[in-house]
Amino acid sequence: MTVRIEVRSNHPTAGQNIVRGAAALGITGVTACQTVRLYFLEQDPGAEAVERLCRLLLVDPVTETGGGKGERGEGEIGRLGGRETGR
């Protein structure tokens, strides 16, 4: 099963450059943007391994949150970062 890991910025200004850039291009109506980094693992190494991968390699716990889900979005494997710890 493929595992999808999402890492999101907690910083309130993370998407402002996209909003400003869209306005500079004459694209109206873009008022907010959130950036998300996606990682896909071909095999599911298990919830503990995904949690450890996020905690030690992929997610900055001060500025980001992250977690993984199976390919069909079934069940959250792990969620880390910000004020959350563990699951």
PDB file of N, CA and C in Angstrom:
ATOM      1  N   MET A   1       0.841  -1.182   0.000  1.00  0.00           N
ATOM      2  CA  MET A   1       0.000   0.000   0.000  1.00  0.00           C
ATOM      3  C   MET A   1       0.886   1.245   0.000  1.00  0.00           C
ATOM      4  N   THR A   2       0.552   2.205  -0.814  1.00  0.00           N
ATOM      5  CA  THR A   2       1.268   3.470  -0.875  1.00  0.00           C
ATOM      6  C   THR A   2       0.883   4.344   0.313  1.00  0.00           C
ATOM      7  N   VAL A   3       1.878   4.977   0.908  1.00  0.00           N
ATOM      8  CA  VAL A   3       1.651   5.887   2.023  1.00  0.00           C
ATOM      9  C   VAL A   3       1.927   7.306   1.552  1.00  0.00           C
ATOM     10  N   ARG A   4       1.006   8.199   1.828  1.00  0.00           N
ATOM     11  CA  ARG A   4       1.142   9.614   1.472  1.00  0.00           C
ATOM     12  C   ARG A   4       1.439  10.391   2.749  1.00  0.00           C
ATOM     13  N   ILE A   5       2.517  11.170   2.724  1.00  0.00           N
ATOM     14  CA  ILE A   5       2.883  12.001   3.871  1.00  0.00           C
ATOM     15  C   ILE A   5       2.742  13.458   3.457  1.00  0.00           C
ATOM     16  N   GLU A   6       1.994  14.219   4.238  1.00  0.00           N
ATOM     17  CA  GLU A   6       1.814  15.651   3.992  1.00  0.00           C
ATOM     18  C   GLU A   6       2.553  16.442   5.063  1.00  0.00           C
ATOM     19  N   VAL A   7       3.312  17.444   4.627  1.00  0.00           N
ATOM     20  CA  VAL A   7       4.000  18.338   5.550  1.00  0.00           C
ATOM     21  C   VAL A   7       3.508  19.750   5.244  1.00  0.00           C
ATOM     22  N   ARG A   8       2.869  20.369   6.232  1.00  0.00           N
ATOM     23  CA  ARG A   8       2.281  21.704   6.071  1.00  0.00           C
ATOM     24  C   ARG A   8       2.989  22.718   6.955  1.00  0.00           C
ATOM     25  N   SER A   9       3.132  23.920   6.428  1.00  0.00           N
ATOM     26  CA  SER A   9       3.731  25.003   7.198  1.00  0.00           C
ATOM     27  C   SER A   9       2.710  25.577   8.164  1.00  0.00           C
ATOM     28  N   ASN A  10       3.162  25.871   9.384  1.00  0.00           N
ATOM     29  CA  ASN A  10       2.312  26.541  10.374  1.00  0.00           C
ATOM     30  C   ASN A  10       2.472  28.056  10.316  1.00  0.00           C
ATOM     31  N   HIS A  11       3.416  28.518   9.519  1.00  0.00           N
ATOM     32  CA  HIS A  11       3.708  29.947   9.453  1.00  0.00           C
ATOM     33  C   HIS A  11       2.601  30.651   8.684  1.00  0.00           C
ATOM     34  N   PRO A  12       2.009  31.696   9.254  1.00  0.00           N
ATOM     35  CA  PRO A  12       0.865  32.350   8.609  1.00  0.00           C
ATOM     36  C   PRO A  12       1.192  33.022   7.278  1.00  0.00           C
ATOM     37  N   THR A  13       2.454  33.305   7.005  1.00  0.00           N
ATOM     38  CA  THR A  13       2.799  33.990   5.758  1.00  0.00           C
ATOM     39  C   THR A  13       3.343  33.047   4.688  1.00  0.00           C
ATOM     40  N   ALA A  14       3.278  31.746   4.918  1.00  0.00           N
ATOM     41  CA  ALA A  14       3.886  30.778   4.000  1.00  0.00           C
ATOM     42  C   ALA A  14       3.364  30.894   2.563  1.00  0.00           C
ATOM     43  N   GLY A  15       2.092  31.176   2.377  1.00  0.00           N
ATOM     44  CA  GLY A  15       1.537  31.253   1.032  1.00  0.00           C
ATOM     45  C   GLY A  15       1.389  32.657   0.477  1.00  0.00           C
ATOM     46  N   GLN A  16       1.824  33.672   1.219  1.00  0.00           N
ATOM     47  CA  GLN A  16       1.621  35.051   0.775  1.00  0.00           C
ATOM     48  C   GLN A  16       2.361  35.383  -0.516  1.00  0.00           C
ATOM     49  N   ASN A  17       3.535  34.781  -0.735  1.00  0.00           N
ATOM     50  CA  ASN A  17       4.254  35.045  -1.982  1.00  0.00           C
ATOM     51  C   ASN A  17       3.457  34.572  -3.191  1.00  0.00           C
ATOM     52  N   ILE A  18       2.750  33.462  -3.065  1.00  0.00           N
ATOM     53  CA  ILE A  18       1.917  32.967  -4.162  1.00  0.00           C
ATOM     54  C   ILE A  18       0.761  33.926  -4.418  1.00  0.00           C
ATOM     55  N   VAL A  19       0.132  34.399  -3.354  1.00  0.00           N
ATOM     56  CA  VAL A  19      -0.985  35.342  -3.499  1.00  0.00           C
ATOM     57  C   VAL A  19      -0.496  36.623  -4.174  1.00  0.00           C
ATOM     58  N   ARG A  20       0.627  37.157  -3.728  1.00  0.00           N
ATOM     59  CA  ARG A  20       1.185  38.381  -4.342  1.00  0.00           C
ATOM     60  C   ARG A  20       1.598  38.133  -5.789  1.00  0.00           C
ATOM     61  N   GLY A  21       2.194  36.978  -6.042  1.00  0.00           N
ATOM     62  CA  GLY A  21       2.609  36.648  -7.409  1.00  0.00           C
ATOM     63  C   GLY A  21       1.424  36.529  -8.353  1.00  0.00           C
ATOM     64  N   ALA A  22       0.343  35.929  -7.877  1.00  0.00           N
ATOM     65  CA  ALA A  22      -0.859  35.815  -8.701  1.00  0.00           C
ATOM     66  C   ALA A  22      -1.407  37.196  -9.036  1.00  0.00           C
ATOM     67  N   ALA A  23      -1.435  38.075  -8.030  1.00  0.00           N
ATOM     68  CA  ALA A  23      -1.919  39.446  -8.271  1.00  0.00           C
ATOM     69  C   ALA A  23      -1.034  40.165  -9.276  1.00  0.00           C
ATOM     70  N   ALA A  24       0.277  39.972  -9.176  1.00  0.00           N
ATOM     71  CA  ALA A  24       1.210  40.618 -10.109  1.00  0.00           C
ATOM     72  C   ALA A  24       1.003  40.116 -11.543  1.00  0.00           C
ATOM     73  N   LEU A  25       0.512  38.895 -11.681  1.00  0.00           N
ATOM     74  CA  LEU A  25       0.228  38.333 -13.009  1.00  0.00           C
ATOM     75  C   LEU A  25      -1.154  38.713 -13.512  1.00  0.00           C
ATOM     76  N   GLY A  26      -1.889  39.467 -12.715  1.00  0.00           N
ATOM     77  CA  GLY A  26      -3.228  39.889 -13.112  1.00  0.00           C
ATOM     78  C   GLY A  26      -4.298  38.849 -12.805  1.00  0.00           C
ATOM     79  N   ILE A  27      -3.949  37.865 -12.019  1.00  0.00           N
ATOM     80  CA  ILE A  27      -4.915  36.832 -11.647  1.00  0.00           C
ATOM     81  C   ILE A  27      -5.626  37.299 -10.383  1.00  0.00           C
ATOM     82  N   THR A  28      -6.901  37.541 -10.511  1.00  0.00           N
ATOM     83  CA  THR A  28      -7.665  38.056  -9.376  1.00  0.00           C
ATOM     84  C   THR A  28      -8.394  36.916  -8.674  1.00  0.00           C
ATOM     85  N   GLY A  29      -8.787  37.156  -7.458  1.00  0.00           N
ATOM     86  CA  GLY A  29      -9.569  36.185  -6.718  1.00  0.00           C
ATOM     87  C   GLY A  29      -8.752  35.243  -5.843  1.00  0.00           C
ATOM     88  N   VAL A  30      -7.426  35.252  -5.982  1.00  0.00           N
ATOM     89  CA  VAL A  30      -6.600  34.416  -5.112  1.00  0.00           C
ATOM     90  C   VAL A  30      -6.361  35.205  -3.830  1.00  0.00           C
ATOM     91  N   THR A  31      -6.976  34.774  -2.752  1.00  0.00           N
ATOM     92  CA  THR A  31      -6.877  35.513  -1.498  1.00  0.00           C
ATOM     93  C   THR A  31      -6.071  34.785  -0.440  1.00  0.00           C
ATOM     94  N   ALA A  32      -5.866  33.494  -0.629  1.00  0.00           N
ATOM     95  CA  ALA A  32      -5.095  32.724   0.347  1.00  0.00           C
ATOM     96  C   ALA A  32      -4.475  31.517  -0.351  1.00  0.00           C
ATOM     97  N   CYS A  33      -3.378  31.064   0.198  1.00  0.00           N
ATOM     98  CA  CYS A  33      -2.689  29.909  -0.364  1.00  0.00           C
ATOM     99  C   CYS A  33      -1.964  29.185   0.769  1.00  0.00           C
ATOM    100  N   GLN A  34      -2.011  27.881   0.737  1.00  0.00           N
ATOM    101  CA  GLN A  34      -1.264  27.077   1.707  1.00  0.00           C
ATOM    102  C   GLN A  34      -0.351  26.147   0.931  1.00  0.00           C
ATOM    103  N   THR A  35       0.904  26.085   1.332  1.00  0.00           N
ATOM    104  CA  THR A  35       1.839  25.195   0.668  1.00  0.00           C
ATOM    105  C   THR A  35       1.951  23.897   1.461  1.00  0.00           C
ATOM    106  N   VAL A  36       2.014  22.794   0.717  1.00  0.00           N
ATOM    107  CA  VAL A  36       2.111  21.467   1.313  1.00  0.00           C
ATOM    108  C   VAL A  36       3.143  20.671   0.526  1.00  0.00           C
ATOM    109  N   ARG A  37       4.084  20.074   1.248  1.00  0.00           N
ATOM    110  CA  ARG A  37       5.024  19.144   0.603  1.00  0.00           C
ATOM    111  C   ARG A  37       4.440  17.753   0.726  1.00  0.00           C
ATOM    112  N   LEU A  38       4.465  17.007  -0.375  1.00  0.00           N
ATOM    113  CA  LEU A  38       3.941  15.642  -0.381  1.00  0.00           C
ATOM    114  C   LEU A  38       5.068  14.654  -0.611  1.00  0.00           C
ATOM    115  N   TYR A  39       5.024  13.567   0.128  1.00  0.00           N
ATOM    116  CA  TYR A  39       5.953  12.455  -0.045  1.00  0.00           C
ATOM    117  C   TYR A  39       5.115  11.195  -0.190  1.00  0.00           C
ATOM    118  N   PHE A  40       5.511  10.312  -1.101  1.00  0.00           N
ATOM    119  CA  PHE A  40       4.823   9.046  -1.295  1.00  0.00           C
ATOM    120  C   PHE A  40       5.807   7.906  -1.080  1.00  0.00           C
ATOM    121  N   LEU A  41       5.446   6.988  -0.204  1.00  0.00           N
ATOM    122  CA  LEU A  41       6.247   5.796   0.035  1.00  0.00           C
ATOM    123  C   LEU A  41       5.552   4.633  -0.666  1.00  0.00           C
ATOM    124  N   GLU A  42       6.278   3.889  -1.488  1.00  0.00           N
ATOM    125  CA  GLU A  42       5.678   2.786  -2.238  1.00  0.00           C
ATOM    126  C   GLU A  42       5.192   1.667  -1.324  1.00  0.00           C
ATOM    127  N   GLN A  43       5.905   1.421  -0.253  1.00  0.00           N
ATOM    128  CA  GLN A  43       5.520   0.378   0.696  1.00  0.00           C
ATOM    129  C   GLN A  43       5.208   1.026   2.046  1.00  0.00           C
ATOM    130  N   ASP A  44       4.299   0.454   2.771  1.00  0.00           N
ATOM    131  CA  ASP A  44       3.949   0.952   4.093  1.00  0.00           C
ATOM    132  C   ASP A  44       4.905   0.339   5.113  1.00  0.00           C
ATOM    133  N   PRO A  45       5.804   1.149   5.698  1.00  0.00           N
ATOM    134  CA  PRO A  45       6.743   0.603   6.667  1.00  0.00           C
ATOM    135  C   PRO A  45       6.143   0.460   8.069  1.00  0.00           C
ATOM    136  N   GLY A  46       4.895   0.839   8.231  1.00  0.00           N
ATOM    137  CA  GLY A  46       4.231   0.772   9.528  1.00  0.00           C
ATOM    138  C   GLY A  46       4.132   2.146  10.165  1.00  0.00           C
ATOM    139  N   ALA A  47       3.163   2.289  11.047  1.00  0.00           N
ATOM    140  CA  ALA A  47       2.879   3.588  11.666  1.00  0.00           C
ATOM    141  C   ALA A  47       4.065   4.132  12.445  1.00  0.00           C
ATOM    142  N   GLU A  48       4.743   3.287  13.195  1.00  0.00           N
ATOM    143  CA  GLU A  48       5.882   3.760  13.989  1.00  0.00           C
ATOM    144  C   GLU A  48       7.012   4.272  13.102  1.00  0.00           C
ATOM    145  N   ALA A  49       7.285   3.580  11.996  1.00  0.00           N
ATOM    146  CA  ALA A  49       8.362   4.002  11.092  1.00  0.00           C
ATOM    147  C   ALA A  49       8.016   5.316  10.395  1.00  0.00           C
ATOM    148  N   VAL A  50       6.753   5.477   9.993  1.00  0.00           N
ATOM    149  CA  VAL A  50       6.336   6.734   9.345  1.00  0.00           C
ATOM    150  C   VAL A  50       6.428   7.876  10.342  1.00  0.00           C
ATOM    151  N   GLU A  51       5.988   7.631  11.560  1.00  0.00           N
ATOM    152  CA  GLU A  51       6.061   8.657  12.600  1.00  0.00           C
ATOM    153  C   GLU A  51       7.522   9.065  12.848  1.00  0.00           C
ATOM    154  N   ARG A  52       8.412   8.082  12.918  1.00  0.00           N
ATOM    155  CA  ARG A  52       9.834   8.371  13.139  1.00  0.00           C
ATOM    156  C   ARG A  52      10.437   9.123  11.948  1.00  0.00           C
ATOM    157  N   LEU A  53      10.078   8.719  10.741  1.00  0.00           N
ATOM    158  CA  LEU A  53      10.558   9.397   9.535  1.00  0.00           C
ATOM    159  C   LEU A  53      10.132  10.863   9.547  1.00  0.00           C
ATOM    160  N   CYS A  54       8.882  11.121   9.897  1.00  0.00           N
ATOM    161  CA  CYS A  54       8.397  12.502   9.972  1.00  0.00           C
ATOM    162  C   CYS A  54       9.139  13.277  11.053  1.00  0.00           C
ATOM    163  N   ARG A  55       9.227  12.685  12.233  1.00  0.00           N
ATOM    164  CA  ARG A  55       9.815  13.376  13.381  1.00  0.00           C
ATOM    165  C   ARG A  55      11.289  13.691  13.183  1.00  0.00           C
ATOM    166  N   LEU A  56      12.048  12.771  12.579  1.00  0.00           N
ATOM    167  CA  LEU A  56      13.497  12.938  12.497  1.00  0.00           C
ATOM    168  C   LEU A  56      13.998  13.485  11.166  1.00  0.00           C
ATOM    169  N   LEU A  57      13.187  13.410  10.112  1.00  0.00           N
ATOM    170  CA  LEU A  57      13.700  13.788   8.795  1.00  0.00           C
ATOM    171  C   LEU A  57      12.843  14.794   8.031  1.00  0.00           C
ATOM    172  N   LEU A  58      11.549  14.647   8.057  1.00  0.00           N
ATOM    173  CA  LEU A  58      10.707  15.424   7.148  1.00  0.00           C
ATOM    174  C   LEU A  58      10.061  16.673   7.733  1.00  0.00           C
ATOM    175  N   VAL A  59       9.756  16.670   9.022  1.00  0.00           N
ATOM    176  CA  VAL A  59       8.953  17.744   9.626  1.00  0.00           C
ATOM    177  C   VAL A  59       9.785  18.548  10.620  1.00  0.00           C
ATOM    178  N   ASP A  60       9.765  19.870  10.446  1.00  0.00           N
ATOM    179  CA  ASP A  60      10.350  20.769  11.444  1.00  0.00           C
ATOM    180  C   ASP A  60       9.260  21.009  12.484  1.00  0.00           C
ATOM    181  N   PRO A  61       9.413  20.496  13.710  1.00  0.00           N
ATOM    182  CA  PRO A  61       8.327  20.580  14.687  1.00  0.00           C
ATOM    183  C   PRO A  61       7.989  21.997  15.138  1.00  0.00           C
ATOM    184  N   VAL A  62       8.852  22.952  14.860  1.00  0.00           N
ATOM    185  CA  VAL A  62       8.591  24.340  15.248  1.00  0.00           C
ATOM    186  C   VAL A  62       7.695  25.031  14.225  1.00  0.00           C
ATOM    187  N   THR A  63       7.902  24.757  12.953  1.00  0.00           N
ATOM    188  CA  THR A  63       7.203  25.500  11.911  1.00  0.00           C
ATOM    189  C   THR A  63       6.264  24.668  11.054  1.00  0.00           C
ATOM    190  N   GLU A  64       6.219  23.342  11.264  1.00  0.00           N
ATOM    191  CA  GLU A  64       5.430  22.494  10.376  1.00  0.00           C
ATOM    192  C   GLU A  64       4.666  21.416  11.151  1.00  0.00           C
ATOM    193  N   THR A  65       3.630  20.898  10.480  1.00  0.00           N
ATOM    194  CA  THR A  65       2.945  19.699  10.946  1.00  0.00           C
ATOM    195  C   THR A  65       3.000  18.692   9.815  1.00  0.00           C
ATOM    196  N   GLY A  66       2.937  17.432  10.158  1.00  0.00           N
ATOM    197  CA  GLY A  66       2.986  16.414   9.122  1.00  0.00           C
ATOM    198  C   GLY A  66       2.420  15.103   9.602  1.00  0.00           C
ATOM    199  N   GLY A  67       2.022  14.284   8.656  1.00  0.00           N
ATOM    200  CA  GLY A  67       1.501  12.966   8.967  1.00  0.00           C
ATOM    201  C   GLY A  67       1.271  12.190   7.702  1.00  0.00           C
ATOM    202  N   GLY A  68       0.939  10.928   7.848  1.00  0.00           N
ATOM    203  CA  GLY A  68       0.763  10.072   6.686  1.00  0.00           C
ATOM    204  C   GLY A  68      -0.558   9.351   6.687  1.00  0.00           C
ATOM    205  N   LYS A  69      -0.994   8.967   5.487  1.00  0.00           N
ATOM    206  CA  LYS A  69      -2.223   8.205   5.316  1.00  0.00           C
ATOM    207  C   LYS A  69      -1.987   7.157   4.244  1.00  0.00           C
ATOM    208  N   GLY A  70      -2.771   6.092   4.301  1.00  0.00           N
ATOM    209  CA  GLY A  70      -2.715   5.072   3.264  1.00  0.00           C
ATOM    210  C   GLY A  70      -3.199   5.632   1.942  1.00  0.00           C
ATOM    211  N   GLU A  71      -3.013   4.876   0.873  1.00  0.00           N
ATOM    212  CA  GLU A  71      -3.308   5.392  -0.469  1.00  0.00           C
ATOM    213  C   GLU A  71      -4.757   5.797  -0.677  1.00  0.00           C
ATOM    214  N   ARG A  72      -5.671   5.205   0.037  1.00  0.00           N
ATOM    215  CA  ARG A  72      -7.078   5.580  -0.107  1.00  0.00           C
ATOM    216  C   ARG A  72      -7.520   6.529   1.000  1.00  0.00           C
ATOM    217  N   GLY A  73      -6.541   7.080   1.745  1.00  0.00           N
ATOM    218  CA  GLY A  73      -6.871   8.010   2.808  1.00  0.00           C
ATOM    219  C   GLY A  73      -7.450   7.321   4.023  1.00  0.00           C
ATOM    220  N   GLU A  74      -7.275   6.017   4.105  1.00  0.00           N
ATOM    221  CA  GLU A  74      -7.860   5.260   5.204  1.00  0.00           C
ATOM    222  C   GLU A  74      -6.986   5.348   6.439  1.00  0.00           C
ATOM    223  N   GLY A  75      -7.464   6.031   7.437  1.00  0.00           N
ATOM    224  CA  GLY A  75      -6.766   6.079   8.714  1.00  0.00           C
ATOM    225  C   GLY A  75      -5.503   6.901   8.689  1.00  0.00           C
ATOM    226  N   GLU A  76      -5.328   7.668   9.695  1.00  0.00           N
ATOM    227  CA  GLU A  76      -4.119   8.477   9.810  1.00  0.00           C
ATOM    228  C   GLU A  76      -3.027   7.633  10.448  1.00  0.00           C
ATOM    229  N   ILE A  77      -1.857   7.629   9.840  1.00  0.00           N
ATOM    230  CA  ILE A  77      -0.750   6.825  10.339  1.00  0.00           C
ATOM    231  C   ILE A  77      -0.011   7.553  11.439  1.00  0.00           C
ATOM    232  N   GLY A  78       0.206   8.818  11.298  1.00  0.00           N
ATOM    233  CA  GLY A  78       0.903   9.573  12.323  1.00  0.00           C
ATOM    234  C   GLY A  78       0.774  11.052  12.054  1.00  0.00           C
ATOM    235  N   ARG A  79       0.794  11.852  13.099  1.00  0.00           N
ATOM    236  CA  ARG A  79       0.705  13.296  12.929  1.00  0.00           C
ATOM    237  C   ARG A  79       1.673  13.927  13.902  1.00  0.00           C
ATOM    238  N   LEU A  80       2.568  14.760  13.361  1.00  0.00           N
ATOM    239  CA  LEU A  80       3.608  15.355  14.182  1.00  0.00           C
ATOM    240  C   LEU A  80       3.733  16.831  13.918  1.00  0.00           C
ATOM    241  N   GLY A  81       4.363  17.509  14.856  1.00  0.00           N
ATOM    242  CA  GLY A  81       4.726  18.895  14.644  1.00  0.00           C
ATOM    243  C   GLY A  81       3.898  19.854  15.468  1.00  0.00           C
ATOM    244  N   GLY A  82       4.335  21.099  15.450  1.00  0.00           N
ATOM    245  CA  GLY A  82       3.628  22.121  16.189  1.00  0.00           C
ATOM    246  C   GLY A  82       3.496  21.734  17.644  1.00  0.00           C
ATOM    247  N   ARG A  83       2.295  21.827  18.175  1.00  0.00           N
ATOM    248  CA  ARG A  83       2.057  21.494  19.567  1.00  0.00           C
ATOM    249  C   ARG A  83       1.650  20.047  19.754  1.00  0.00           C
ATOM    250  N   GLU A  84       1.452  19.344  18.647  1.00  0.00           N
ATOM    251  CA  GLU A  84       1.035  17.955  18.744  1.00  0.00           C
ATOM    252  C   GLU A  84       2.241  17.057  18.907  1.00  0.00           C
ATOM    253  N   THR A  85       2.090  15.995  19.655  1.00  0.00           N
ATOM    254  CA  THR A  85       3.133  14.997  19.754  1.00  0.00           C
ATOM    255  C   THR A  85       2.491  13.636  19.617  1.00  0.00           C
ATOM    256  N   GLY A  86       3.243  12.716  19.094  1.00  0.00           N
ATOM    257  CA  GLY A  86       2.686  11.381  18.892  1.00  0.00           C
ATOM    258  C   GLY A  86       1.541  11.404  17.922  1.00  0.00           C
ATOM    259  N   ARG A  87       0.499  10.665  18.229  1.00  0.00           N
ATOM    260  CA  ARG A  87      -0.656  10.590  17.331  1.00  0.00           C
ATOM    261  C   ARG A  87      -1.767  11.483  17.767  1.00  0.00           C
TER     262      ARG A  87
END
